[in-house]
């Protein structure tokens, strides 16, 4: 009963916030990485991250609080009017946060160029951005799935239910009252994993480029067309 009452209370709070400040502009997912050094260095020999939920929860909370400062105090996405979030625990006991952000009217993304400054769905240049390239290729690639891996959770009838690999696209395209189609140029960049599978920009999960490099939680970011404002992600 307490859980139900808390859920109802939070739902009314979120509804009130939306009524006074408008619909969300950004939907961000921050997922705990069990290989964060702050976690692995505290494990005893033979232990995995899921064996120490106390360490995982503490490290995640510290990184989450710092990430919130990026959003609300450092204004990495623009001035913020309201932020709502919920923290959940996955089946393998790793926490992840879903964050809705409502930006100041003057800072809302209104054009494809605005969205490109916030969201990246492409592989970084491994020569000029080697650290970011490592982060993206280890945490922000979706696949292989579909016919290449029929047993993957996102696969149904040999197709990815999350529509990966996405088609190449030279420019970001706005969709009225929905998700934009992010820029994914056919620039020849690729990453080959240990099994020989070739990843391209078609497999990159949308993410905020600055935050992925700056704060290490590698959050995923989705923007919705704010001409008619209102905003995916999952464990990779």
C-alpha atoms as a PDB file:
ATOM      1  CA  UNK A   1       0.000   0.000   0.000  1.00  0.00           C
ATOM      2  CA  UNK A   2       2.841   2.392   0.846  1.00  0.00           C
ATOM      3  CA  UNK A   3       4.385   1.789  -2.579  1.00  0.00           C
ATOM      4  CA  UNK A   4       1.065   2.537  -4.313  1.00  0.00           C
ATOM      5  CA  UNK A   5       0.536   5.731  -2.299  1.00  0.00           C
ATOM      6  CA  UNK A   6       4.086   6.878  -3.042  1.00  0.00           C
ATOM      7  CA  UNK A   7       3.603   6.202  -6.745  1.00  0.00           C
ATOM      8  CA  UNK A   8       0.337   8.167  -6.794  1.00  0.00           C
ATOM      9  CA  UNK A   9       1.932  11.049  -4.902  1.00  0.00           C
ATOM     10  CA  UNK A  10       4.872  11.196  -7.314  1.00  0.00           C
ATOM     11  CA  UNK A  11       2.513  10.978 -10.292  1.00  0.00           C
ATOM     12  CA  UNK A  12       0.549  14.000  -9.071  1.00  0.00           C
ATOM     13  CA  UNK A  13       3.809  15.879  -8.404  1.00  0.00           C
ATOM     14  CA  UNK A  14       5.038  15.165 -11.923  1.00  0.00           C
ATOM     15  CA  UNK A  15       1.696  16.171 -13.421  1.00  0.00           C
ATOM     16  CA  UNK A  16       1.749  19.444 -11.485  1.00  0.00           C
ATOM     17  CA  UNK A  17       5.298  20.162 -12.638  1.00  0.00           C
ATOM     18  CA  UNK A  18       4.336  19.542 -16.266  1.00  0.00           C
ATOM     19  CA  UNK A  19       1.299  21.822 -15.998  1.00  0.00           C
ATOM     20  CA  UNK A  20       3.359  24.725 -14.657  1.00  0.00           C
ATOM     21  CA  UNK A  21       6.542  24.337 -16.712  1.00  0.00           C
ATOM     22  CA  UNK A  22       5.492  22.571 -19.916  1.00  0.00           C
ATOM     23  CA  UNK A  23       6.311  19.208 -21.412  1.00  0.00           C
ATOM     24  CA  UNK A  24       9.818  17.699 -21.135  1.00  0.00           C
ATOM     25  CA  UNK A  25      12.474  18.542 -23.716  1.00  0.00           C
ATOM     26  CA  UNK A  26      15.082  15.887 -22.889  1.00  0.00           C
ATOM     27  CA  UNK A  27      14.784  12.265 -21.819  1.00  0.00           C
ATOM     28  CA  UNK A  28      18.089  11.008 -20.403  1.00  0.00           C
ATOM     29  CA  UNK A  29      18.954   7.539 -19.181  1.00  0.00           C
ATOM     30  CA  UNK A  30      22.014   7.005 -16.988  1.00  0.00           C
ATOM     31  CA  UNK A  31      22.966   3.361 -16.450  1.00  0.00           C
ATOM     32  CA  UNK A  32      25.414   2.014 -13.886  1.00  0.00           C
ATOM     33  CA  UNK A  33      28.553   0.479 -15.363  1.00  0.00           C
ATOM     34  CA  UNK A  34      29.721  -2.517 -13.254  1.00  0.00           C
ATOM     35  CA  UNK A  35      33.270  -1.924 -14.559  1.00  0.00           C
ATOM     36  CA  UNK A  36      33.631   1.579 -13.144  1.00  0.00           C
ATOM     37  CA  UNK A  37      37.023   1.546 -11.355  1.00  0.00           C
ATOM     38  CA  UNK A  38      35.377   2.982  -8.237  1.00  0.00           C
ATOM     39  CA  UNK A  39      33.437  -0.304  -8.059  1.00  0.00           C
ATOM     40  CA  UNK A  40      35.963  -2.876  -9.275  1.00  0.00           C
ATOM     41  CA  UNK A  41      38.773  -1.742  -6.988  1.00  0.00           C
ATOM     42  CA  UNK A  42      36.589  -2.355  -3.913  1.00  0.00           C
ATOM     43  CA  UNK A  43      35.632  -5.924  -4.843  1.00  0.00           C
ATOM     44  CA  UNK A  44      37.239  -8.882  -3.130  1.00  0.00           C
ATOM     45  CA  UNK A  45      38.863 -11.603  -5.264  1.00  0.00           C
ATOM     46  CA  UNK A  46      36.174 -13.575  -7.064  1.00  0.00           C
ATOM     47  CA  UNK A  47      33.436 -11.001  -6.423  1.00  0.00           C
ATOM     48  CA  UNK A  48      31.295  -9.376  -9.117  1.00  0.00           C
ATOM     49  CA  UNK A  49      29.546  -6.038  -8.921  1.00  0.00           C
ATOM     50  CA  UNK A  50      26.193  -7.734  -8.297  1.00  0.00           C
ATOM     51  CA  UNK A  51      27.683  -9.336  -5.177  1.00  0.00           C
ATOM     52  CA  UNK A  52      28.138  -5.897  -3.593  1.00  0.00           C
ATOM     53  CA  UNK A  53      24.958  -3.849  -4.030  1.00  0.00           C
ATOM     54  CA  UNK A  54      26.141  -1.567  -1.235  1.00  0.00           C
ATOM     55  CA  UNK A  55      29.181  -0.447  -3.237  1.00  0.00           C
ATOM     56  CA  UNK A  56      27.233  -0.244  -6.491  1.00  0.00           C
ATOM     57  CA  UNK A  57      24.479   1.886  -4.979  1.00  0.00           C
ATOM     58  CA  UNK A  58      26.924   4.261  -3.295  1.00  0.00           C
ATOM     59  CA  UNK A  59      29.065   4.809  -6.413  1.00  0.00           C
ATOM     60  CA  UNK A  60      26.027   5.229  -8.618  1.00  0.00           C
ATOM     61  CA  UNK A  61      24.538   7.806  -6.231  1.00  0.00           C
ATOM     62  CA  UNK A  62      27.749   9.848  -6.213  1.00  0.00           C
ATOM     63  CA  UNK A  63      27.979   9.853 -10.003  1.00  0.00           C
ATOM     64  CA  UNK A  64      24.279  10.552 -10.378  1.00  0.00           C
ATOM     65  CA  UNK A  65      24.494  13.565  -8.063  1.00  0.00           C
ATOM     66  CA  UNK A  66      27.433  14.918 -10.067  1.00  0.00           C
ATOM     67  CA  UNK A  67      25.540  14.377 -13.298  1.00  0.00           C
ATOM     68  CA  UNK A  68      22.575  16.314 -11.910  1.00  0.00           C
ATOM     69  CA  UNK A  69      24.966  19.183 -11.195  1.00  0.00           C
ATOM     70  CA  UNK A  70      26.021  19.064 -14.854  1.00  0.00           C
ATOM     71  CA  UNK A  71      22.394  19.528 -15.807  1.00  0.00           C
ATOM     72  CA  UNK A  72      21.086  21.932 -13.177  1.00  0.00           C
ATOM     73  CA  UNK A  73      24.140  23.977 -12.173  1.00  0.00           C
ATOM     74  CA  UNK A  74      26.622  23.798 -15.052  1.00  0.00           C
ATOM     75  CA  UNK A  75      23.789  23.954 -17.604  1.00  0.00           C
ATOM     76  CA  UNK A  76      25.488  21.641 -20.109  1.00  0.00           C
ATOM     77  CA  UNK A  77      22.202  21.412 -22.043  1.00  0.00           C
ATOM     78  CA  UNK A  78      21.008  24.945 -21.315  1.00  0.00           C
ATOM     79  CA  UNK A  79      19.167  26.641 -18.494  1.00  0.00           C
ATOM     80  CA  UNK A  80      16.819  24.282 -16.671  1.00  0.00           C
ATOM     81  CA  UNK A  81      13.341  25.017 -15.368  1.00  0.00           C
ATOM     82  CA  UNK A  82      12.564  21.591 -13.926  1.00  0.00           C
ATOM     83  CA  UNK A  83      14.078  18.122 -13.601  1.00  0.00           C
ATOM     84  CA  UNK A  84      12.220  14.907 -12.754  1.00  0.00           C
ATOM     85  CA  UNK A  85      13.819  11.511 -12.285  1.00  0.00           C
ATOM     86  CA  UNK A  86      13.264   7.954 -11.127  1.00  0.00           C
ATOM     87  CA  UNK A  87      15.942   5.411 -10.211  1.00  0.00           C
ATOM     88  CA  UNK A  88      15.251   1.745 -10.965  1.00  0.00           C
ATOM     89  CA  UNK A  89      17.198  -1.478 -10.493  1.00  0.00           C
ATOM     90  CA  UNK A  90      17.623  -3.902 -13.370  1.00  0.00           C
ATOM     91  CA  UNK A  91      17.324  -7.660 -13.107  1.00  0.00           C
ATOM     92  CA  UNK A  92      21.070  -7.955 -12.674  1.00  0.00           C
ATOM     93  CA  UNK A  93      20.757  -5.554  -9.729  1.00  0.00           C
ATOM     94  CA  UNK A  94      22.328  -2.537 -11.437  1.00  0.00           C
ATOM     95  CA  UNK A  95      20.648   0.847 -10.926  1.00  0.00           C
ATOM     96  CA  UNK A  96      19.707   3.165 -13.747  1.00  0.00           C
ATOM     97  CA  UNK A  97      18.026   6.550 -13.756  1.00  0.00           C
ATOM     98  CA  UNK A  98      15.465   8.029 -16.143  1.00  0.00           C
ATOM     99  CA  UNK A  99      15.619  11.813 -16.149  1.00  0.00           C
ATOM    100  CA  UNK A 100      13.153  14.244 -17.710  1.00  0.00           C
ATOM    101  CA  UNK A 101      14.469  17.766 -18.223  1.00  0.00           C
ATOM    102  CA  UNK A 102      12.432  20.860 -19.019  1.00  0.00           C
ATOM    103  CA  UNK A 103      14.577  23.657 -20.417  1.00  0.00           C
ATOM    104  CA  UNK A 104      14.127  27.424 -20.352  1.00  0.00           C
ATOM    105  CA  UNK A 105      12.037  28.546 -23.366  1.00  0.00           C
ATOM    106  CA  UNK A 106      15.040  30.347 -24.885  1.00  0.00           C
ATOM    107  CA  UNK A 107      17.216  27.214 -24.625  1.00  0.00           C
ATOM    108  CA  UNK A 108      14.811  24.629 -25.998  1.00  0.00           C
ATOM    109  CA  UNK A 109      16.083  22.820 -29.119  1.00  0.00           C
ATOM    110  CA  UNK A 110      13.995  24.060 -32.012  1.00  0.00           C
ATOM    111  CA  UNK A 111      16.050  23.196 -35.096  1.00  0.00           C
ATOM    112  CA  UNK A 112      18.039  20.230 -36.391  1.00  0.00           C
ATOM    113  CA  UNK A 113      21.227  22.203 -35.664  1.00  0.00           C
ATOM    114  CA  UNK A 114      20.136  22.688 -32.040  1.00  0.00           C
ATOM    115  CA  UNK A 115      19.600  18.954 -31.682  1.00  0.00           C
ATOM    116  CA  UNK A 116      22.976  18.134 -33.263  1.00  0.00           C
ATOM    117  CA  UNK A 117      24.648  20.279 -30.605  1.00  0.00           C
ATOM    118  CA  UNK A 118      22.949  18.224 -27.885  1.00  0.00           C
ATOM    119  CA  UNK A 119      22.802  14.694 -29.283  1.00  0.00           C
ATOM    120  CA  UNK A 120      25.282  12.548 -31.175  1.00  0.00           C
ATOM    121  CA  UNK A 121      24.435   9.241 -32.847  1.00  0.00           C
ATOM    122  CA  UNK A 122      27.755   8.686 -34.596  1.00  0.00           C
ATOM    123  CA  UNK A 123      31.120   7.099 -33.837  1.00  0.00           C
ATOM    124  CA  UNK A 124      33.748   9.625 -32.721  1.00  0.00           C
ATOM    125  CA  UNK A 125      37.006  10.031 -34.602  1.00  0.00           C
ATOM    126  CA  UNK A 126      39.398   7.470 -33.044  1.00  0.00           C
ATOM    127  CA  UNK A 127      42.399   9.644 -33.943  1.00  0.00           C
ATOM    128  CA  UNK A 128      41.275  12.964 -32.472  1.00  0.00           C
ATOM    129  CA  UNK A 129      38.956  11.619 -29.734  1.00  0.00           C
ATOM    130  CA  UNK A 130      40.406   8.254 -28.654  1.00  0.00           C
ATOM    131  CA  UNK A 131      38.950   8.375 -25.124  1.00  0.00           C
ATOM    132  CA  UNK A 132      35.457   9.185 -26.349  1.00  0.00           C
ATOM    133  CA  UNK A 133      35.780   6.539 -29.075  1.00  0.00           C
ATOM    134  CA  UNK A 134      36.591   3.958 -26.378  1.00  0.00           C
ATOM    135  CA  UNK A 135      33.592   5.001 -24.268  1.00  0.00           C
ATOM    136  CA  UNK A 136      31.164   4.861 -27.184  1.00  0.00           C
ATOM    137  CA  UNK A 137      32.433   1.545 -28.543  1.00  0.00           C
ATOM    138  CA  UNK A 138      32.310  -0.145 -25.139  1.00  0.00           C
ATOM    139  CA  UNK A 139      29.000   1.197 -23.798  1.00  0.00           C
ATOM    140  CA  UNK A 140      26.933   2.858 -26.534  1.00  0.00           C
ATOM    141  CA  UNK A 141      26.676   0.383 -29.397  1.00  0.00           C
ATOM    142  CA  UNK A 142      23.517  -1.670 -29.905  1.00  0.00           C
ATOM    143  CA  UNK A 143      23.930  -5.157 -31.275  1.00  0.00           C
ATOM    144  CA  UNK A 144      24.564  -7.513 -32.795  1.00  0.00           C
ATOM    145  CA  UNK A 145      20.926  -8.503 -32.788  1.00  0.00           C
ATOM    146  CA  UNK A 146      18.200  -9.511 -35.247  1.00  0.00           C
ATOM    147  CA  UNK A 147      19.292 -12.232 -37.648  1.00  0.00           C
ATOM    148  CA  UNK A 148      22.864 -11.917 -36.328  1.00  0.00           C
ATOM    149  CA  UNK A 149      21.797 -12.812 -32.787  1.00  0.00           C
ATOM    150  CA  UNK A 150      18.247 -14.234 -32.625  1.00  0.00           C
ATOM    151  CA  UNK A 151      18.576 -14.976 -28.907  1.00  0.00           C
ATOM    152  CA  UNK A 152      19.087 -11.347 -27.906  1.00  0.00           C
ATOM    153  CA  UNK A 153      16.299  -9.926 -25.742  1.00  0.00           C
ATOM    154  CA  UNK A 154      15.460  -7.173 -28.249  1.00  0.00           C
ATOM    155  CA  UNK A 155      15.016  -9.638 -31.134  1.00  0.00           C
ATOM    156  CA  UNK A 156      11.598 -10.820 -32.267  1.00  0.00           C
ATOM    157  CA  UNK A 157      10.964 -12.659 -35.529  1.00  0.00           C
ATOM    158  CA  UNK A 158      14.621 -12.088 -36.437  1.00  0.00           C
ATOM    159  CA  UNK A 159      14.170  -8.302 -36.230  1.00  0.00           C
ATOM    160  CA  UNK A 160      15.342  -5.828 -33.617  1.00  0.00           C
ATOM    161  CA  UNK A 161      12.337  -4.409 -31.788  1.00  0.00           C
ATOM    162  CA  UNK A 162      14.339  -1.207 -31.235  1.00  0.00           C
ATOM    163  CA  UNK A 163      14.865  -0.816 -34.971  1.00  0.00           C
ATOM    164  CA  UNK A 164      18.634  -1.284 -35.050  1.00  0.00           C
ATOM    165  CA  UNK A 165      20.613  -0.948 -37.180  1.00  0.00           C
ATOM    166  CA  UNK A 166      19.121   2.460 -38.012  1.00  0.00           C
ATOM    167  CA  UNK A 167      19.408   3.795 -41.567  1.00  0.00           C
ATOM    168  CA  UNK A 168      22.173   6.191 -42.534  1.00  0.00           C
ATOM    169  CA  UNK A 169      21.037   9.814 -42.590  1.00  0.00           C
ATOM    170  CA  UNK A 170      22.984  12.856 -43.740  1.00  0.00           C
ATOM    171  CA  UNK A 171      21.016  15.310 -41.607  1.00  0.00           C
ATOM    172  CA  UNK A 172      18.884  15.244 -38.488  1.00  0.00           C
ATOM    173  CA  UNK A 173      15.205  15.340 -39.397  1.00  0.00           C
ATOM    174  CA  UNK A 174      12.555  16.763 -37.096  1.00  0.00           C
ATOM    175  CA  UNK A 175       9.383  14.769 -36.578  1.00  0.00           C
ATOM    176  CA  UNK A 176       6.356  16.724 -35.418  1.00  0.00           C
ATOM    177  CA  UNK A 177       5.498  15.853 -31.813  1.00  0.00           C
ATOM    178  CA  UNK A 178       7.859  12.888 -31.783  1.00  0.00           C
ATOM    179  CA  UNK A 179      11.450  11.677 -31.750  1.00  0.00           C
ATOM    180  CA  UNK A 180      13.822  13.257 -34.281  1.00  0.00           C
ATOM    181  CA  UNK A 181      15.609  11.040 -36.771  1.00  0.00           C
ATOM    182  CA  UNK A 182      19.209  11.690 -35.748  1.00  0.00           C
ATOM    183  CA  UNK A 183      22.083  12.310 -38.128  1.00  0.00           C
ATOM    184  CA  UNK A 184      23.999   9.100 -38.920  1.00  0.00           C
ATOM    185  CA  UNK A 185      26.342   9.847 -41.796  1.00  0.00           C
ATOM    186  CA  UNK A 186      27.886   7.110 -43.910  1.00  0.00           C
ATOM    187  CA  UNK A 187      31.386   8.394 -43.179  1.00  0.00           C
ATOM    188  CA  UNK A 188      33.236   5.073 -43.300  1.00  0.00           C
ATOM    189  CA  UNK A 189      33.903   4.899 -39.570  1.00  0.00           C
ATOM    190  CA  UNK A 190      33.486   1.484 -38.029  1.00  0.00           C
ATOM    191  CA  UNK A 191      34.337  -0.622 -35.022  1.00  0.00           C
ATOM    192  CA  UNK A 192      34.951  -4.386 -35.177  1.00  0.00           C
ATOM    193  CA  UNK A 193      34.384  -6.354 -31.972  1.00  0.00           C
ATOM    194  CA  UNK A 194      36.218  -9.488 -30.874  1.00  0.00           C
ATOM    195  CA  UNK A 195      33.737 -11.680 -32.755  1.00  0.00           C
ATOM    196  CA  UNK A 196      34.327  -9.855 -36.016  1.00  0.00           C
ATOM    197  CA  UNK A 197      30.991  -7.994 -36.065  1.00  0.00           C
ATOM    198  CA  UNK A 198      31.250  -4.629 -37.791  1.00  0.00           C
ATOM    199  CA  UNK A 199      29.542  -1.690 -36.093  1.00  0.00           C
ATOM    200  CA  UNK A 200      28.906   1.588 -37.923  1.00  0.00           C
ATOM    201  CA  UNK A 201      26.988   4.774 -37.157  1.00  0.00           C
ATOM    202  CA  UNK A 202      23.835   2.725 -37.731  1.00  0.00           C
ATOM    203  CA  UNK A 203      24.432   0.987 -34.379  1.00  0.00           C
ATOM    204  CA  UNK A 204      25.280   3.988 -32.177  1.00  0.00           C
ATOM    205  CA  UNK A 205      22.860   4.784 -29.341  1.00  0.00           C
ATOM    206  CA  UNK A 206      22.089   8.539 -29.167  1.00  0.00           C
ATOM    207  CA  UNK A 207      24.091  10.182 -26.418  1.00  0.00           C
ATOM    208  CA  UNK A 208      25.223  13.601 -25.203  1.00  0.00           C
ATOM    209  CA  UNK A 209      28.784  13.857 -26.480  1.00  0.00           C
ATOM    210  CA  UNK A 210      30.063  16.233 -23.809  1.00  0.00           C
ATOM    211  CA  UNK A 211      28.565  14.387 -20.863  1.00  0.00           C
ATOM    212  CA  UNK A 212      29.668  10.964 -22.074  1.00  0.00           C
ATOM    213  CA  UNK A 213      33.279  12.117 -21.941  1.00  0.00           C
ATOM    214  CA  UNK A 214      33.026  14.484 -18.989  1.00  0.00           C
ATOM    215  CA  UNK A 215      31.280  12.492 -16.311  1.00  0.00           C
ATOM    216  CA  UNK A 216      31.838   8.837 -17.338  1.00  0.00           C
ATOM    217  CA  UNK A 217      28.318   7.492 -16.602  1.00  0.00           C
ATOM    218  CA  UNK A 218      27.775   7.478 -20.414  1.00  0.00           C
ATOM    219  CA  UNK A 219      24.141   8.572 -20.276  1.00  0.00           C
ATOM    220  CA  UNK A 220      21.859   8.230 -23.276  1.00  0.00           C
ATOM    221  CA  UNK A 221      19.918  11.230 -24.450  1.00  0.00           C
ATOM    222  CA  UNK A 222      16.754  11.614 -26.487  1.00  0.00           C
ATOM    223  CA  UNK A 223      15.259  14.908 -27.624  1.00  0.00           C
ATOM    224  CA  UNK A 224      11.754  15.461 -28.878  1.00  0.00           C
ATOM    225  CA  UNK A 225      10.649  18.128 -31.308  1.00  0.00           C
ATOM    226  CA  UNK A 226       9.951  21.050 -29.007  1.00  0.00           C
ATOM    227  CA  UNK A 227       7.965  22.910 -31.566  1.00  0.00           C
ATOM    228  CA  UNK A 228       5.337  20.585 -30.129  1.00  0.00           C
ATOM    229  CA  UNK A 229       7.250  19.666 -26.998  1.00  0.00           C
ATOM    230  CA  UNK A 230       7.049  16.466 -24.970  1.00  0.00           C
ATOM    231  CA  UNK A 231      10.532  12.316 -25.171  1.00  0.00           C
ATOM    232  CA  UNK A 232      14.788   5.429 -24.978  1.00  0.00           C
ATOM    233  CA  UNK A 233      17.013   3.626 -23.806  1.00  0.00           C
ATOM    234  CA  UNK A 234      17.923   0.312 -22.378  1.00  0.00           C
ATOM    235  CA  UNK A 235      20.902  -1.607 -21.153  1.00  0.00           C
ATOM    236  CA  UNK A 236      23.246  -2.310 -24.012  1.00  0.00           C
END
